[in-house]
Amino acid sequence: GSSFPNGGLRATHTAAAFTTWDRSSPCIVVDRVLRVPCSFVTHLGAAIDDKTPLLRSCDAVNRQGLRLLKAIGFGTDAKAI
């Protein structure tokens, strides 16, 4: 089994999480070490960091903004807001 930081137990397979590269933020080099900005989600897609909800919100605003532009007939060829 796997343990929570507070001492509780969980099945090991529920402890899985994934990082994804946040391409909206630049990579930086600090002390000769490449730092790649990432977001962190569980295997079920739940956000376990502060950045993932922000990125999801930005995507939603972009999608709805494009939808609005197309609905009013302006910027029908736009790809991003």
C-alpha atoms as a PDB file:
ATOM      1  CA  GLY A   1       0.000   0.000   0.000  1.00  0.00           C
ATOM      2  CA  SER A   2       0.839   3.653  -0.145  1.00  0.00           C
ATOM      3  CA  SER A   3       0.416   6.215   2.573  1.00  0.00           C
ATOM      4  CA  PHE A   4      -0.952   9.741   2.712  1.00  0.00           C
ATOM      5  CA  PRO A   5       1.222  12.402   4.371  1.00  0.00           C
ATOM      6  CA  ASN A   6      -1.189  12.331   7.356  1.00  0.00           C
ATOM      7  CA  GLY A   7      -0.553   8.605   7.910  1.00  0.00           C
ATOM      8  CA  GLY A   8      -3.666   7.184   6.221  1.00  0.00           C
ATOM      9  CA  LEU A   9      -3.382   4.338   3.709  1.00  0.00           C
ATOM     10  CA  ARG A  10      -4.553   4.036   0.107  1.00  0.00           C
ATOM     11  CA  ALA A  11      -4.155   1.514  -2.674  1.00  0.00           C
ATOM     12  CA  THR A  12      -0.863   2.042  -4.517  1.00  0.00           C
ATOM     13  CA  HIS A  13      -2.546   2.458  -7.926  1.00  0.00           C
ATOM     14  CA  THR A  14      -4.483   5.509  -6.646  1.00  0.00           C
ATOM     15  CA  ALA A  15      -1.218   7.303  -5.885  1.00  0.00           C
ATOM     16  CA  ALA A  16      -0.422   7.729  -9.611  1.00  0.00           C
ATOM     17  CA  ALA A  17       0.057  11.232 -10.953  1.00  0.00           C
ATOM     18  CA  PHE A  18       1.406  12.767 -14.129  1.00  0.00           C
ATOM     19  CA  THR A  19       3.253  15.923 -15.061  1.00  0.00           C
ATOM     20  CA  THR A  20       2.575  17.726 -18.306  1.00  0.00           C
ATOM     21  CA  TRP A  21       4.744  20.399 -19.842  1.00  0.00           C
ATOM     22  CA  ASP A  22       3.142  23.841 -19.643  1.00  0.00           C
ATOM     23  CA  ARG A  23       4.006  25.255 -23.060  1.00  0.00           C
ATOM     24  CA  SER A  24       2.467  28.631 -22.199  1.00  0.00           C
ATOM     25  CA  SER A  25       5.357  29.357 -19.797  1.00  0.00           C
ATOM     26  CA  PRO A  26       8.989  29.599 -20.868  1.00  0.00           C
ATOM     27  CA  CYS A  27      11.671  27.164 -19.758  1.00  0.00           C
ATOM     28  CA  ILE A  28      14.487  28.770 -17.776  1.00  0.00           C
ATOM     29  CA  VAL A  29      18.012  27.828 -16.761  1.00  0.00           C
ATOM     30  CA  VAL A  30      18.968  28.326 -13.106  1.00  0.00           C
ATOM     31  CA  ASP A  31      22.475  27.394 -11.973  1.00  0.00           C
ATOM     32  CA  ARG A  32      23.033  25.383 -15.170  1.00  0.00           C
ATOM     33  CA  VAL A  33      19.828  23.377 -14.556  1.00  0.00           C
ATOM     34  CA  LEU A  34      16.986  23.496 -17.070  1.00  0.00           C
ATOM     35  CA  ARG A  35      13.662  24.216 -15.337  1.00  0.00           C
ATOM     36  CA  VAL A  36      10.617  23.115 -17.343  1.00  0.00           C
ATOM     37  CA  PRO A  37       7.261  24.513 -16.164  1.00  0.00           C
ATOM     38  CA  CYS A  38       4.779  21.691 -15.571  1.00  0.00           C
ATOM     39  CA  SER A  39       1.322  21.024 -14.274  1.00  0.00           C
ATOM     40  CA  PHE A  40       0.541  18.044 -12.050  1.00  0.00           C
ATOM     41  CA  VAL A  41      -2.611  15.908 -12.320  1.00  0.00           C
ATOM     42  CA  THR A  42      -3.792  12.555 -10.981  1.00  0.00           C
ATOM     43  CA  HIS A  43      -4.401   9.594 -13.256  1.00  0.00           C
ATOM     44  CA  LEU A  44      -8.111  10.536 -13.148  1.00  0.00           C
ATOM     45  CA  GLY A  45      -7.412  14.103 -14.320  1.00  0.00           C
ATOM     46  CA  ALA A  46      -7.911  15.858 -10.970  1.00  0.00           C
ATOM     47  CA  ALA A  47      -5.632  18.866 -10.476  1.00  0.00           C
ATOM     48  CA  ILE A  48      -3.181  18.550  -7.599  1.00  0.00           C
ATOM     49  CA  ASP A  49      -1.344  21.818  -8.135  1.00  0.00           C
ATOM     50  CA  ASP A  50      -2.320  25.472  -8.440  1.00  0.00           C
ATOM     51  CA  LYS A  51      -1.374  25.853 -12.091  1.00  0.00           C
ATOM     52  CA  THR A  52      -3.697  23.265 -13.678  1.00  0.00           C
ATOM     53  CA  PRO A  53      -6.976  25.054 -12.788  1.00  0.00           C
ATOM     54  CA  LEU A  54      -5.526  28.302 -14.176  1.00  0.00           C
ATOM     55  CA  LEU A  55      -4.521  26.619 -17.445  1.00  0.00           C
ATOM     56  CA  ARG A  56      -7.944  24.990 -17.727  1.00  0.00           C
ATOM     57  CA  SER A  57      -9.623  28.357 -17.139  1.00  0.00           C
ATOM     58  CA  CYS A  58      -7.482  30.013 -19.805  1.00  0.00           C
ATOM     59  CA  ASP A  59      -8.443  27.271 -22.280  1.00  0.00           C
ATOM     60  CA  ALA A  60     -12.144  27.687 -21.446  1.00  0.00           C
ATOM     61  CA  VAL A  61     -12.005  31.483 -21.887  1.00  0.00           C
ATOM     62  CA  ASN A  62     -10.201  31.048 -25.205  1.00  0.00           C
ATOM     63  CA  ARG A  63     -12.743  28.484 -26.467  1.00  0.00           C
ATOM     64  CA  GLN A  64     -15.745  30.591 -25.492  1.00  0.00           C
ATOM     65  CA  GLY A  65     -14.167  33.775 -26.848  1.00  0.00           C
ATOM     66  CA  LEU A  66     -13.641  32.111 -30.229  1.00  0.00           C
ATOM     67  CA  ARG A  67     -17.203  30.824 -30.118  1.00  0.00           C
ATOM     68  CA  LEU A  68     -18.476  34.356 -29.455  1.00  0.00           C
ATOM     69  CA  LEU A  69     -16.413  35.848 -32.288  1.00  0.00           C
ATOM     70  CA  LYS A  70     -17.768  33.257 -34.715  1.00  0.00           C
ATOM     71  CA  ALA A  71     -21.346  33.840 -33.505  1.00  0.00           C
ATOM     72  CA  ILE A  72     -21.134  37.580 -34.259  1.00  0.00           C
ATOM     73  CA  GLY A  73     -19.361  36.932 -37.567  1.00  0.00           C
ATOM     74  CA  PHE A  74     -16.100  38.589 -36.577  1.00  0.00           C
ATOM     75  CA  GLY A  75     -12.774  36.796 -36.663  1.00  0.00           C
ATOM     76  CA  THR A  76     -14.157  33.576 -38.100  1.00  0.00           C
ATOM     77  CA  ASP A  77     -10.618  32.494 -39.011  1.00  0.00           C
ATOM     78  CA  ALA A  78      -9.186  33.286 -35.532  1.00  0.00           C
ATOM     79  CA  LYS A  79      -7.355  30.450 -33.778  1.00  0.00           C
ATOM     80  CA  ALA A  80      -6.807  32.089 -30.363  1.00  0.00           C
ATOM     81  CA  ILE A  81      -7.993  35.076 -28.346  1.00  0.00           C
END
